[in-house]
Amino acid sequence: MRSLILLLLFSSQAFGALSIRDLDGNWSNGHEGVYDDVLDVTWLADANYAQTSGYDTNGRVDWYQAQSFASTLSIGSFDDWRLPLAVCSNGYGCSPQASELGNLFFIGLGNYQYPQVTNFNFIDAQTNQLESFSNGQENHYWMSGDYFFENGNLSIYKWFYDFNNGNPYNVDPNYNNQFAWPVHDGDIGLAPVPLPAGIYLFLSGLVGLGLIRSRRS
């Protein structure tokens, strides 16, 4: 009972723009999603699920494999996953924040550019509990979206986001292996059920009774 109460207390906490979501209908095995209310998307809580799920031995895949992994992914009753969007319009000089991964890196996770250590473990300041993400890689993650040369011609290159330094880059998608981090549009899954307001008075009363008993004994 005590562990259940603590779990509910910790689960009721949200982290600014990020809050956990259960996707498989079973809170006992943890949460599978993290909702980002700035972007209105739900990230997989496991940032290297390609490896965890057995899709790839270490999670590093080419762009086409990453696209296939995201588009065929199903967690609980939720499919329609995709790679994070890169909204860079042309060539180099793209803003580091101008993508969904960039927004997560700077806004959601509160990072700075190199040499700031990447913060994947977004922890509530009051309870020091409830890590939102697992298996975060301080490395490269594929993004969807086309890359255009400065003259406007479409390139075969694809975008990726560098979690080492918070910058977007582009490479040939056939000869480079990066990580894949699927994301889903909207707020999906179940949010933690907060404890009723009266439970705090109840718990306070239990603590008070315990103190009185200890004094009498």
N, C-alpha and C. Protein backbone atom coordinates (compact mmCIF):
# COMPACT_ATOMS: atom_id res chain seq x y z
N MET A 1 0.83 -1.20 0.00
CA MET A 1 0.00 0.00 0.00
C MET A 1 0.87 1.26 0.00
N ARG A 2 1.91 1.25 0.83
CA ARG A 2 2.79 2.41 0.92
C ARG A 2 3.47 2.68 -0.42
N SER A 3 3.94 1.60 -1.08
CA SER A 3 4.61 1.78 -2.37
C SER A 3 3.66 2.30 -3.43
N LEU A 4 2.38 1.87 -3.37
CA LEU A 4 1.39 2.35 -4.33
C LEU A 4 1.13 3.83 -4.13
N ILE A 5 1.01 4.26 -2.88
CA ILE A 5 0.79 5.68 -2.58
C ILE A 5 1.95 6.53 -3.08
N LEU A 6 3.18 6.06 -2.84
CA LEU A 6 4.34 6.80 -3.30
C LEU A 6 4.38 6.87 -4.81
N LEU A 7 4.04 5.74 -5.48
CA LEU A 7 4.04 5.73 -6.94
C LEU A 7 3.05 6.74 -7.49
N LEU A 8 1.85 6.81 -6.89
CA LEU A 8 0.84 7.77 -7.35
C LEU A 8 1.27 9.20 -7.10
N LEU A 9 1.89 9.43 -5.98
CA LEU A 9 2.37 10.78 -5.68
C LEU A 9 3.41 11.22 -6.70
N PHE A 10 4.37 10.35 -6.99
CA PHE A 10 5.42 10.70 -7.93
C PHE A 10 4.87 10.81 -9.34
N SER A 11 3.92 9.95 -9.69
CA SER A 11 3.39 9.94 -11.05
C SER A 11 2.54 11.15 -11.34
N SER A 12 2.06 11.82 -10.31
CA SER A 12 1.19 12.97 -10.52
C SER A 12 1.98 14.22 -10.88
N GLN A 13 3.32 14.11 -10.83
CA GLN A 13 4.14 15.27 -11.12
C GLN A 13 4.33 15.41 -12.64
N ALA A 14 4.32 16.61 -13.14
CA ALA A 14 4.62 16.88 -14.54
C ALA A 14 5.84 17.79 -14.59
N PHE A 15 6.57 17.74 -15.69
CA PHE A 15 7.84 18.45 -15.77
C PHE A 15 7.74 19.60 -16.76
N GLY A 16 6.97 20.61 -16.44
CA GLY A 16 6.87 21.73 -17.35
C GLY A 16 6.17 21.31 -18.63
N ALA A 17 6.96 21.21 -19.70
CA ALA A 17 6.41 20.88 -21.00
C ALA A 17 6.33 19.38 -21.23
N LEU A 18 6.85 18.58 -20.33
CA LEU A 18 6.89 17.13 -20.51
C LEU A 18 6.13 16.42 -19.40
N SER A 19 5.35 15.40 -19.76
CA SER A 19 4.66 14.60 -18.76
C SER A 19 4.50 13.18 -19.30
N ILE A 20 4.56 12.21 -18.41
CA ILE A 20 4.59 10.81 -18.82
C ILE A 20 3.21 10.31 -19.24
N ARG A 21 3.20 9.29 -20.10
CA ARG A 21 1.98 8.68 -20.59
C ARG A 21 2.16 7.16 -20.63
N ASP A 22 1.12 6.44 -20.23
CA ASP A 22 1.11 4.99 -20.36
C ASP A 22 0.46 4.62 -21.68
N LEU A 23 1.13 3.81 -22.49
CA LEU A 23 0.64 3.49 -23.82
C LEU A 23 0.10 2.07 -23.95
N ASP A 24 0.47 1.19 -23.03
CA ASP A 24 0.05 -0.21 -23.16
C ASP A 24 -1.02 -0.60 -22.15
N GLY A 25 -1.53 0.38 -21.38
CA GLY A 25 -2.59 0.09 -20.42
C GLY A 25 -2.13 -0.60 -19.17
N ASN A 26 -0.83 -0.52 -18.87
CA ASN A 26 -0.28 -1.21 -17.70
C ASN A 26 0.77 -0.33 -17.04
N TRP A 27 0.36 0.39 -15.98
CA TRP A 27 1.29 1.28 -15.29
C TRP A 27 2.35 0.52 -14.51
N SER A 28 2.11 -0.76 -14.20
CA SER A 28 3.06 -1.51 -13.38
C SER A 28 4.40 -1.72 -14.08
N ASN A 29 4.42 -1.65 -15.40
CA ASN A 29 5.69 -1.81 -16.12
C ASN A 29 6.27 -0.47 -16.56
N GLY A 30 5.81 0.60 -15.92
CA GLY A 30 6.33 1.92 -16.24
C GLY A 30 5.57 2.60 -17.35
N HIS A 31 6.10 3.71 -17.82
CA HIS A 31 5.45 4.48 -18.88
C HIS A 31 6.22 4.30 -20.19
N GLU A 32 5.48 4.33 -21.29
CA GLU A 32 6.10 4.14 -22.60
C GLU A 32 6.17 5.43 -23.41
N GLY A 33 5.47 6.46 -22.98
CA GLY A 33 5.44 7.71 -23.73
C GLY A 33 5.69 8.92 -22.87
N VAL A 34 6.10 10.01 -23.49
CA VAL A 34 6.29 11.30 -22.82
C VAL A 34 5.65 12.37 -23.70
N TYR A 35 4.62 13.03 -23.15
CA TYR A 35 3.92 14.05 -23.92
C TYR A 35 4.62 15.39 -23.81
N ASP A 36 4.80 16.03 -24.95
CA ASP A 36 5.43 17.35 -25.05
C ASP A 36 4.35 18.35 -25.45
N ASP A 37 3.90 19.18 -24.49
CA ASP A 37 2.78 20.06 -24.79
C ASP A 37 3.18 21.30 -25.55
N VAL A 38 4.47 21.54 -25.73
CA VAL A 38 4.91 22.64 -26.59
C VAL A 38 4.70 22.27 -28.06
N LEU A 39 5.08 21.03 -28.41
CA LEU A 39 4.95 20.56 -29.79
C LEU A 39 3.65 19.82 -30.04
N ASP A 40 2.93 19.45 -28.97
CA ASP A 40 1.74 18.62 -29.05
C ASP A 40 2.06 17.29 -29.74
N VAL A 41 3.10 16.62 -29.25
CA VAL A 41 3.48 15.30 -29.73
C VAL A 41 3.80 14.43 -28.53
N THR A 42 3.80 13.12 -28.76
CA THR A 42 4.19 12.16 -27.73
C THR A 42 5.44 11.41 -28.19
N TRP A 43 6.51 11.53 -27.41
CA TRP A 43 7.76 10.83 -27.71
C TRP A 43 7.73 9.45 -27.09
N LEU A 44 8.43 8.50 -27.71
CA LEU A 44 8.68 7.25 -27.03
C LEU A 44 9.56 7.53 -25.82
N ALA A 45 9.24 6.94 -24.69
CA ALA A 45 10.06 7.14 -23.49
C ALA A 45 11.44 6.50 -23.67
N ASP A 46 11.50 5.41 -24.41
CA ASP A 46 12.77 4.72 -24.71
C ASP A 46 13.36 5.34 -25.97
N ALA A 47 14.44 6.09 -25.80
CA ALA A 47 15.04 6.83 -26.91
C ALA A 47 15.90 5.94 -27.81
N ASN A 48 16.00 4.66 -27.51
CA ASN A 48 16.67 3.71 -28.41
C ASN A 48 15.85 2.43 -28.48
N TYR A 49 14.56 2.59 -28.75
CA TYR A 49 13.66 1.45 -28.78
C TYR A 49 13.96 0.51 -29.95
N ALA A 50 14.65 0.98 -30.97
CA ALA A 50 15.04 0.11 -32.07
C ALA A 50 15.92 -1.03 -31.57
N GLN A 51 16.76 -0.73 -30.57
CA GLN A 51 17.57 -1.79 -29.97
C GLN A 51 16.78 -2.60 -28.96
N THR A 52 16.07 -1.90 -28.08
CA THR A 52 15.31 -2.58 -27.02
C THR A 52 14.30 -3.57 -27.60
N SER A 53 13.67 -3.19 -28.69
CA SER A 53 12.63 -4.03 -29.29
C SER A 53 13.20 -5.17 -30.12
N GLY A 54 14.52 -5.16 -30.37
CA GLY A 54 15.14 -6.19 -31.18
C GLY A 54 15.13 -5.89 -32.67
N TYR A 55 14.69 -4.67 -33.04
CA TYR A 55 14.69 -4.30 -34.46
C TYR A 55 16.10 -4.25 -35.01
N ASP A 56 17.04 -3.82 -34.18
CA ASP A 56 18.45 -3.74 -34.59
C ASP A 56 19.32 -4.05 -33.39
N THR A 57 20.50 -4.59 -33.63
CA THR A 57 21.35 -5.02 -32.52
C THR A 57 21.82 -3.89 -31.63
N ASN A 58 22.09 -2.71 -32.22
CA ASN A 58 22.52 -1.58 -31.39
C ASN A 58 21.68 -0.32 -31.60
N GLY A 59 20.69 -0.39 -32.49
CA GLY A 59 19.80 0.74 -32.71
C GLY A 59 20.26 1.70 -33.78
N ARG A 60 21.43 1.49 -34.35
CA ARG A 60 21.94 2.39 -35.40
C ARG A 60 21.54 1.84 -36.76
N VAL A 61 20.76 2.59 -37.50
CA VAL A 61 20.22 2.15 -38.78
C VAL A 61 20.36 3.27 -39.81
N ASP A 62 20.25 2.90 -41.10
CA ASP A 62 20.24 3.96 -42.11
C ASP A 62 18.87 4.64 -42.12
N TRP A 63 18.76 5.71 -42.91
CA TRP A 63 17.55 6.53 -42.86
C TRP A 63 16.32 5.75 -43.29
N TYR A 64 16.45 4.90 -44.29
CA TYR A 64 15.31 4.15 -44.79
C TYR A 64 14.85 3.11 -43.78
N GLN A 65 15.79 2.49 -43.09
CA GLN A 65 15.43 1.56 -42.02
C GLN A 65 14.75 2.30 -40.88
N ALA A 66 15.23 3.50 -40.57
CA ALA A 66 14.62 4.30 -39.50
C ALA A 66 13.18 4.67 -39.86
N GLN A 67 12.96 5.05 -41.12
CA GLN A 67 11.61 5.37 -41.57
C GLN A 67 10.69 4.16 -41.45
N SER A 68 11.20 3.00 -41.85
CA SER A 68 10.41 1.78 -41.79
C SER A 68 10.10 1.40 -40.34
N PHE A 69 11.09 1.53 -39.47
CA PHE A 69 10.90 1.22 -38.06
C PHE A 69 9.81 2.08 -37.45
N ALA A 70 9.86 3.39 -37.72
CA ALA A 70 8.88 4.30 -37.14
C ALA A 70 7.48 4.06 -37.71
N SER A 71 7.39 3.88 -39.02
CA SER A 71 6.07 3.78 -39.67
C SER A 71 5.36 2.47 -39.37
N THR A 72 6.10 1.44 -39.00
CA THR A 72 5.48 0.14 -38.70
C THR A 72 5.37 -0.12 -37.20
N LEU A 73 5.80 0.83 -36.40
CA LEU A 73 5.81 0.65 -34.95
C LEU A 73 4.38 0.67 -34.39
N SER A 74 4.14 -0.19 -33.41
CA SER A 74 2.86 -0.21 -32.72
C SER A 74 3.11 -0.46 -31.24
N ILE A 75 2.63 0.44 -30.39
CA ILE A 75 2.75 0.32 -28.94
C ILE A 75 1.35 0.33 -28.36
N GLY A 76 0.95 -0.77 -27.72
CA GLY A 76 -0.42 -0.88 -27.27
C GLY A 76 -1.35 -0.82 -28.48
N SER A 77 -2.26 0.12 -28.47
CA SER A 77 -3.17 0.30 -29.61
C SER A 77 -2.75 1.46 -30.50
N PHE A 78 -1.54 1.98 -30.30
CA PHE A 78 -1.11 3.19 -31.01
C PHE A 78 -0.10 2.86 -32.11
N ASP A 79 -0.47 3.22 -33.34
CA ASP A 79 0.47 3.15 -34.45
C ASP A 79 0.58 4.56 -35.05
N ASP A 80 0.89 4.69 -36.31
CA ASP A 80 1.06 6.01 -36.96
C ASP A 80 2.22 6.80 -36.36
N TRP A 81 3.28 6.12 -35.96
CA TRP A 81 4.48 6.81 -35.50
C TRP A 81 5.28 7.30 -36.71
N ARG A 82 6.17 8.23 -36.47
CA ARG A 82 6.99 8.79 -37.54
C ARG A 82 8.31 9.28 -36.97
N LEU A 83 9.24 9.64 -37.86
CA LEU A 83 10.47 10.27 -37.42
C LEU A 83 10.20 11.75 -37.12
N PRO A 84 10.96 12.34 -36.20
CA PRO A 84 10.77 13.77 -35.90
C PRO A 84 10.99 14.64 -37.14
N LEU A 85 10.23 15.72 -37.22
CA LEU A 85 10.30 16.60 -38.38
C LEU A 85 11.50 17.53 -38.30
N ALA A 86 12.13 17.70 -39.46
CA ALA A 86 13.15 18.74 -39.61
C ALA A 86 12.54 19.82 -40.48
N VAL A 87 12.38 21.00 -39.94
CA VAL A 87 11.74 22.08 -40.70
C VAL A 87 12.76 23.04 -41.28
N CYS A 88 13.99 22.58 -41.41
CA CYS A 88 15.03 23.39 -42.04
C CYS A 88 14.66 23.57 -43.51
N SER A 89 14.71 24.80 -44.00
CA SER A 89 14.22 25.07 -45.34
C SER A 89 15.27 24.88 -46.42
N ASN A 90 16.51 25.18 -46.11
CA ASN A 90 17.53 25.03 -47.15
C ASN A 90 18.92 24.98 -46.54
N GLY A 91 19.76 24.17 -47.12
CA GLY A 91 21.19 24.17 -46.89
C GLY A 91 21.67 24.32 -45.46
N TYR A 92 22.88 24.83 -45.33
CA TYR A 92 23.49 25.04 -44.03
C TYR A 92 22.95 26.31 -43.38
N GLY A 93 23.29 26.50 -42.14
CA GLY A 93 22.82 27.66 -41.42
C GLY A 93 21.44 27.49 -40.83
N CYS A 94 20.94 26.26 -40.85
CA CYS A 94 19.64 25.98 -40.26
C CYS A 94 19.70 26.18 -38.74
N SER A 95 18.70 26.82 -38.18
CA SER A 95 18.68 27.06 -36.75
C SER A 95 18.65 25.75 -35.97
N PRO A 96 19.46 25.60 -34.92
CA PRO A 96 19.45 24.37 -34.13
C PRO A 96 18.10 24.04 -33.53
N GLN A 97 17.28 25.08 -33.24
CA GLN A 97 15.97 24.86 -32.64
C GLN A 97 14.89 24.56 -33.68
N ALA A 98 15.22 24.70 -34.97
CA ALA A 98 14.21 24.61 -36.01
C ALA A 98 13.90 23.17 -36.40
N SER A 99 13.55 22.36 -35.43
CA SER A 99 13.14 20.98 -35.67
C SER A 99 12.48 20.49 -34.39
N GLU A 100 11.77 19.38 -34.47
CA GLU A 100 11.15 18.84 -33.26
C GLU A 100 12.20 18.36 -32.28
N LEU A 101 13.26 17.71 -32.77
CA LEU A 101 14.33 17.27 -31.87
C LEU A 101 15.07 18.47 -31.28
N GLY A 102 15.23 19.52 -32.07
CA GLY A 102 15.89 20.72 -31.56
C GLY A 102 15.07 21.37 -30.46
N ASN A 103 13.75 21.41 -30.63
CA ASN A 103 12.88 21.97 -29.61
C ASN A 103 12.94 21.14 -28.34
N LEU A 104 12.94 19.81 -28.50
CA LEU A 104 13.05 18.94 -27.33
C LEU A 104 14.38 19.14 -26.63
N PHE A 105 15.46 19.23 -27.40
CA PHE A 105 16.81 19.38 -26.84
C PHE A 105 16.92 20.66 -26.00
N PHE A 106 16.46 21.79 -26.56
CA PHE A 106 16.65 23.08 -25.91
C PHE A 106 15.52 23.44 -24.95
N ILE A 107 14.27 23.19 -25.34
CA ILE A 107 13.15 23.62 -24.54
C ILE A 107 12.73 22.53 -23.55
N GLY A 108 12.41 21.35 -24.07
CA GLY A 108 11.92 20.27 -23.21
C GLY A 108 12.94 19.79 -22.21
N LEU A 109 14.19 19.58 -22.69
CA LEU A 109 15.23 19.02 -21.83
C LEU A 109 16.13 20.09 -21.23
N GLY A 110 15.99 21.32 -21.67
CA GLY A 110 16.73 22.42 -21.06
C GLY A 110 18.23 22.38 -21.26
N ASN A 111 18.66 21.91 -22.43
CA ASN A 111 20.09 21.85 -22.71
C ASN A 111 20.61 23.15 -23.30
N TYR A 112 21.93 23.24 -23.30
CA TYR A 112 22.63 24.29 -24.02
C TYR A 112 23.53 23.61 -25.04
N GLN A 113 24.05 24.39 -25.98
CA GLN A 113 24.94 23.79 -26.96
C GLN A 113 26.27 23.43 -26.32
N TYR A 114 27.03 22.59 -27.02
CA TYR A 114 28.31 22.07 -26.54
C TYR A 114 29.09 23.17 -25.81
N PRO A 115 29.72 22.86 -24.66
CA PRO A 115 29.97 21.52 -24.11
C PRO A 115 28.99 21.08 -23.01
N GLN A 116 27.77 21.63 -22.98
CA GLN A 116 26.81 21.21 -21.97
C GLN A 116 26.46 19.73 -22.14
N VAL A 117 26.48 18.96 -21.04
CA VAL A 117 26.14 17.54 -21.10
C VAL A 117 24.66 17.39 -21.41
N THR A 118 24.34 16.48 -22.32
CA THR A 118 22.95 16.27 -22.70
C THR A 118 22.14 15.73 -21.53
N ASN A 119 20.98 16.34 -21.30
CA ASN A 119 20.12 15.95 -20.19
C ASN A 119 18.94 15.15 -20.71
N PHE A 120 19.03 13.81 -20.62
CA PHE A 120 17.92 12.96 -21.00
C PHE A 120 17.05 12.62 -19.80
N ASN A 121 17.59 12.77 -18.59
CA ASN A 121 16.86 12.37 -17.39
C ASN A 121 16.21 13.60 -16.77
N PHE A 122 15.02 13.91 -17.24
CA PHE A 122 14.31 15.10 -16.76
C PHE A 122 13.62 14.74 -15.46
N ILE A 123 14.14 15.21 -14.33
CA ILE A 123 13.71 14.77 -13.01
C ILE A 123 13.00 15.90 -12.27
N ASP A 124 11.90 15.54 -11.61
CA ASP A 124 11.16 16.52 -10.83
C ASP A 124 12.03 17.07 -9.71
N ALA A 125 12.07 18.39 -9.59
CA ALA A 125 12.96 19.02 -8.62
C ALA A 125 12.52 18.77 -7.18
N GLN A 126 11.22 18.56 -6.94
CA GLN A 126 10.73 18.39 -5.58
C GLN A 126 10.90 16.95 -5.09
N THR A 127 10.58 15.98 -5.96
CA THR A 127 10.63 14.58 -5.51
C THR A 127 11.92 13.88 -5.90
N ASN A 128 12.66 14.46 -6.84
CA ASN A 128 13.88 13.84 -7.36
C ASN A 128 13.59 12.44 -7.89
N GLN A 129 12.43 12.27 -8.47
CA GLN A 129 11.98 10.98 -8.96
C GLN A 129 11.50 11.08 -10.41
N LEU A 130 11.21 9.91 -10.99
CA LEU A 130 10.49 9.80 -12.24
C LEU A 130 11.28 10.33 -13.44
N GLU A 131 12.24 9.55 -13.91
CA GLU A 131 12.96 9.92 -15.11
C GLU A 131 12.04 9.74 -16.31
N SER A 132 11.93 10.75 -17.15
CA SER A 132 11.01 10.70 -18.27
C SER A 132 11.50 9.76 -19.38
N PHE A 133 12.80 9.83 -19.72
CA PHE A 133 13.33 9.09 -20.84
C PHE A 133 14.37 8.07 -20.39
N SER A 134 14.51 7.02 -21.18
CA SER A 134 15.55 6.02 -20.94
C SER A 134 16.32 5.78 -22.23
N ASN A 135 17.54 5.27 -22.10
CA ASN A 135 18.39 4.91 -23.24
C ASN A 135 18.67 6.08 -24.19
N GLY A 136 18.75 7.29 -23.64
CA GLY A 136 19.11 8.44 -24.47
C GLY A 136 20.55 8.32 -24.96
N GLN A 137 20.75 8.62 -26.23
CA GLN A 137 22.08 8.53 -26.84
C GLN A 137 22.63 9.93 -27.10
N GLU A 138 23.78 10.22 -26.55
CA GLU A 138 24.44 11.49 -26.87
C GLU A 138 25.12 11.32 -28.22
N ASN A 139 24.29 11.26 -29.24
CA ASN A 139 24.76 10.93 -30.57
C ASN A 139 23.81 11.49 -31.61
N HIS A 140 23.66 10.82 -32.75
CA HIS A 140 22.90 11.35 -33.87
C HIS A 140 21.56 10.64 -34.02
N TYR A 141 20.49 11.42 -34.25
CA TYR A 141 19.14 10.90 -34.47
C TYR A 141 18.62 11.38 -35.82
N TRP A 142 18.08 10.43 -36.59
CA TRP A 142 17.51 10.77 -37.89
C TRP A 142 16.27 11.66 -37.75
N MET A 143 16.08 12.54 -38.75
CA MET A 143 14.87 13.35 -38.85
C MET A 143 14.27 13.16 -40.24
N SER A 144 12.97 13.39 -40.36
CA SER A 144 12.32 13.37 -41.67
C SER A 144 12.34 14.77 -42.26
N GLY A 145 12.16 14.84 -43.55
CA GLY A 145 12.19 16.14 -44.22
C GLY A 145 13.30 16.18 -45.25
N ASP A 146 13.07 16.90 -46.34
CA ASP A 146 14.03 16.95 -47.44
C ASP A 146 15.13 17.97 -47.17
N TYR A 147 16.26 17.73 -47.81
CA TYR A 147 17.38 18.68 -47.77
C TYR A 147 17.55 19.27 -49.16
N PHE A 148 17.59 20.60 -49.25
CA PHE A 148 17.75 21.29 -50.52
C PHE A 148 19.10 22.00 -50.56
N PHE A 149 19.73 21.97 -51.73
CA PHE A 149 20.94 22.76 -51.93
C PHE A 149 20.57 24.24 -51.92
N GLU A 150 21.59 25.09 -51.83
CA GLU A 150 21.34 26.53 -51.78
C GLU A 150 20.70 27.06 -53.06
N ASN A 151 20.87 26.33 -54.18
CA ASN A 151 20.23 26.76 -55.43
C ASN A 151 18.80 26.27 -55.55
N GLY A 152 18.31 25.59 -54.51
CA GLY A 152 16.93 25.13 -54.50
C GLY A 152 16.72 23.72 -55.00
N ASN A 153 17.77 23.08 -55.51
CA ASN A 153 17.64 21.72 -56.01
C ASN A 153 17.57 20.73 -54.85
N LEU A 154 16.73 19.73 -55.02
CA LEU A 154 16.55 18.71 -53.99
C LEU A 154 17.74 17.77 -53.97
N SER A 155 18.25 17.49 -52.77
CA SER A 155 19.38 16.58 -52.60
C SER A 155 18.88 15.23 -52.10
N ILE A 156 19.70 14.20 -52.28
CA ILE A 156 19.36 12.90 -51.70
C ILE A 156 19.68 12.87 -50.21
N TYR A 157 20.42 13.88 -49.72
CA TYR A 157 20.83 13.90 -48.33
C TYR A 157 19.62 14.01 -47.41
N LYS A 158 19.76 13.51 -46.18
CA LYS A 158 18.72 13.59 -45.16
C LYS A 158 19.29 14.21 -43.89
N TRP A 159 18.37 14.79 -43.12
CA TRP A 159 18.77 15.48 -41.90
C TRP A 159 18.92 14.51 -40.72
N PHE A 160 19.86 14.83 -39.84
CA PHE A 160 19.91 14.20 -38.53
C PHE A 160 20.23 15.27 -37.50
N TYR A 161 19.94 14.95 -36.24
CA TYR A 161 20.18 15.90 -35.16
C TYR A 161 21.27 15.35 -34.25
N ASP A 162 22.24 16.19 -33.93
CA ASP A 162 23.39 15.77 -33.12
C ASP A 162 23.14 16.13 -31.65
N PHE A 163 22.90 15.10 -30.82
CA PHE A 163 22.69 15.33 -29.40
C PHE A 163 24.01 15.52 -28.64
N ASN A 164 25.13 15.51 -29.35
CA ASN A 164 26.39 15.89 -28.71
C ASN A 164 26.50 17.39 -28.54
N ASN A 165 25.98 18.13 -29.53
CA ASN A 165 26.18 19.58 -29.50
C ASN A 165 24.93 20.39 -29.82
N GLY A 166 23.81 19.73 -30.12
CA GLY A 166 22.57 20.46 -30.36
C GLY A 166 22.46 21.09 -31.73
N ASN A 167 23.07 20.48 -32.74
CA ASN A 167 23.02 21.03 -34.09
C ASN A 167 22.48 20.02 -35.10
N PRO A 168 21.80 20.50 -36.15
CA PRO A 168 21.36 19.62 -37.24
C PRO A 168 22.43 19.52 -38.32
N TYR A 169 22.50 18.36 -38.95
CA TYR A 169 23.41 18.14 -40.06
C TYR A 169 22.70 17.29 -41.11
N ASN A 170 23.36 17.08 -42.25
CA ASN A 170 22.78 16.24 -43.29
C ASN A 170 23.86 15.35 -43.88
N VAL A 171 23.45 14.13 -44.25
CA VAL A 171 24.38 13.14 -44.79
C VAL A 171 23.65 12.29 -45.83
N ASP A 172 24.42 11.49 -46.54
CA ASP A 172 23.85 10.52 -47.46
C ASP A 172 23.14 9.45 -46.64
N PRO A 173 21.84 9.24 -46.85
CA PRO A 173 21.09 8.31 -46.01
C PRO A 173 21.43 6.84 -46.24
N ASN A 174 22.14 6.54 -47.33
CA ASN A 174 22.45 5.15 -47.64
C ASN A 174 23.70 4.64 -46.95
N TYR A 175 24.59 5.54 -46.58
CA TYR A 175 25.89 5.10 -46.08
C TYR A 175 26.19 5.61 -44.68
N ASN A 176 25.16 5.98 -43.96
CA ASN A 176 25.34 6.46 -42.60
C ASN A 176 24.27 5.84 -41.70
N ASN A 177 24.70 5.36 -40.56
CA ASN A 177 23.79 4.77 -39.59
C ASN A 177 23.67 5.68 -38.37
N GLN A 178 22.44 6.06 -38.06
CA GLN A 178 22.15 6.89 -36.90
C GLN A 178 21.05 6.22 -36.08
N PHE A 179 20.68 6.84 -34.97
CA PHE A 179 19.62 6.30 -34.13
C PHE A 179 18.25 6.81 -34.61
N ALA A 180 17.21 6.07 -34.22
CA ALA A 180 15.84 6.43 -34.60
C ALA A 180 15.00 6.63 -33.34
N TRP A 181 14.31 7.76 -33.26
CA TRP A 181 13.49 8.08 -32.10
C TRP A 181 12.08 8.45 -32.57
N PRO A 182 11.17 7.47 -32.68
CA PRO A 182 9.82 7.76 -33.19
C PRO A 182 9.04 8.70 -32.29
N VAL A 183 8.14 9.44 -32.94
CA VAL A 183 7.29 10.38 -32.24
C VAL A 183 5.89 10.25 -32.83
N HIS A 184 4.88 10.59 -32.04
CA HIS A 184 3.48 10.44 -32.46
C HIS A 184 2.78 11.78 -32.30
N ASP A 185 1.99 12.16 -33.25
CA ASP A 185 1.24 13.42 -33.16
C ASP A 185 0.22 13.36 -32.03
N GLY A 186 0.08 14.46 -31.30
CA GLY A 186 -0.96 14.59 -30.29
C GLY A 186 -0.60 13.98 -28.95
N ASP A 187 -1.52 14.11 -28.03
CA ASP A 187 -1.39 13.58 -26.67
C ASP A 187 -2.09 12.23 -26.62
N ILE A 188 -1.32 11.16 -26.59
CA ILE A 188 -1.90 9.81 -26.63
C ILE A 188 -1.59 9.08 -25.32
N GLY A 189 -2.28 8.00 -25.10
CA GLY A 189 -2.05 7.22 -23.88
C GLY A 189 -2.78 7.79 -22.69
N LEU A 190 -2.49 7.19 -21.53
CA LEU A 190 -3.15 7.57 -20.28
C LEU A 190 -2.21 8.40 -19.42
N ALA A 191 -2.73 9.50 -18.90
CA ALA A 191 -1.97 10.31 -17.95
C ALA A 191 -2.08 9.69 -16.56
N PRO A 192 -1.09 9.93 -15.68
CA PRO A 192 -1.20 9.44 -14.30
C PRO A 192 -2.44 10.00 -13.63
N VAL A 193 -3.10 9.18 -12.84
CA VAL A 193 -4.28 9.63 -12.11
C VAL A 193 -3.84 10.30 -10.81
N PRO A 194 -4.08 11.60 -10.65
CA PRO A 194 -3.65 12.28 -9.42
C PRO A 194 -4.46 11.81 -8.22
N LEU A 195 -3.84 11.83 -7.08
CA LEU A 195 -4.54 11.48 -5.85
C LEU A 195 -5.59 12.53 -5.52
N PRO A 196 -6.75 12.14 -4.99
CA PRO A 196 -7.74 13.13 -4.54
C PRO A 196 -7.14 14.04 -3.48
N ALA A 197 -7.64 15.26 -3.45
CA ALA A 197 -7.09 16.24 -2.50
C ALA A 197 -7.19 15.74 -1.07
N GLY A 198 -8.25 14.98 -0.74
CA GLY A 198 -8.44 14.52 0.62
C GLY A 198 -7.40 13.52 1.08
N ILE A 199 -6.71 12.86 0.13
CA ILE A 199 -5.74 11.85 0.53
C ILE A 199 -4.57 12.48 1.26
N TYR A 200 -4.24 13.74 0.90
CA TYR A 200 -3.13 14.41 1.58
C TYR A 200 -3.47 14.67 3.05
N LEU A 201 -4.73 15.04 3.33
CA LEU A 201 -5.15 15.22 4.71
C LEU A 201 -5.12 13.89 5.45
N PHE A 202 -5.55 12.83 4.75
CA PHE A 202 -5.54 11.50 5.34
C PHE A 202 -4.12 11.07 5.70
N LEU A 203 -3.19 11.28 4.77
CA LEU A 203 -1.80 10.90 5.02
C LEU A 203 -1.20 11.74 6.14
N SER A 204 -1.55 13.03 6.16
CA SER A 204 -1.06 13.91 7.23
C SER A 204 -1.57 13.43 8.59
N GLY A 205 -2.84 12.99 8.61
CA GLY A 205 -3.40 12.47 9.86
C GLY A 205 -2.68 11.23 10.33
N LEU A 206 -2.33 10.34 9.41
CA LEU A 206 -1.59 9.13 9.77
C LEU A 206 -0.24 9.47 10.36
N VAL A 207 0.42 10.44 9.74
CA VAL A 207 1.73 10.87 10.25
C VAL A 207 1.58 11.44 11.66
N GLY A 208 0.52 12.25 11.87
CA GLY A 208 0.28 12.83 13.19
C GLY A 208 0.01 11.78 14.24
N LEU A 209 -0.80 10.77 13.92
CA LEU A 209 -1.08 9.68 14.86
C LEU A 209 0.19 8.91 15.20
N GLY A 210 1.03 8.73 14.17
CA GLY A 210 2.29 8.02 14.42
C GLY A 210 3.18 8.77 15.38
N LEU A 211 3.22 10.10 15.25
CA LEU A 211 4.04 10.92 16.15
C LEU A 211 3.50 10.86 17.58
N ILE A 212 2.16 10.91 17.69
CA ILE A 212 1.56 10.86 19.04
C ILE A 212 1.86 9.53 19.72
N ARG A 213 1.72 8.44 18.99
CA ARG A 213 2.00 7.12 19.54
C ARG A 213 3.45 6.99 19.97
N SER A 214 4.36 7.51 19.13
CA SER A 214 5.77 7.40 19.47
C SER A 214 6.12 8.18 20.72
N ARG A 215 5.45 9.33 20.94
CA ARG A 215 5.70 10.14 22.14
C ARG A 215 5.18 9.42 23.39
N ARG A 216 3.98 8.80 23.26
CA ARG A 216 3.41 8.11 24.41
C ARG A 216 4.24 6.89 24.81
N SER A 217 4.81 6.24 23.80
CA SER A 217 5.60 5.04 24.12
C SER A 217 6.97 5.44 24.63
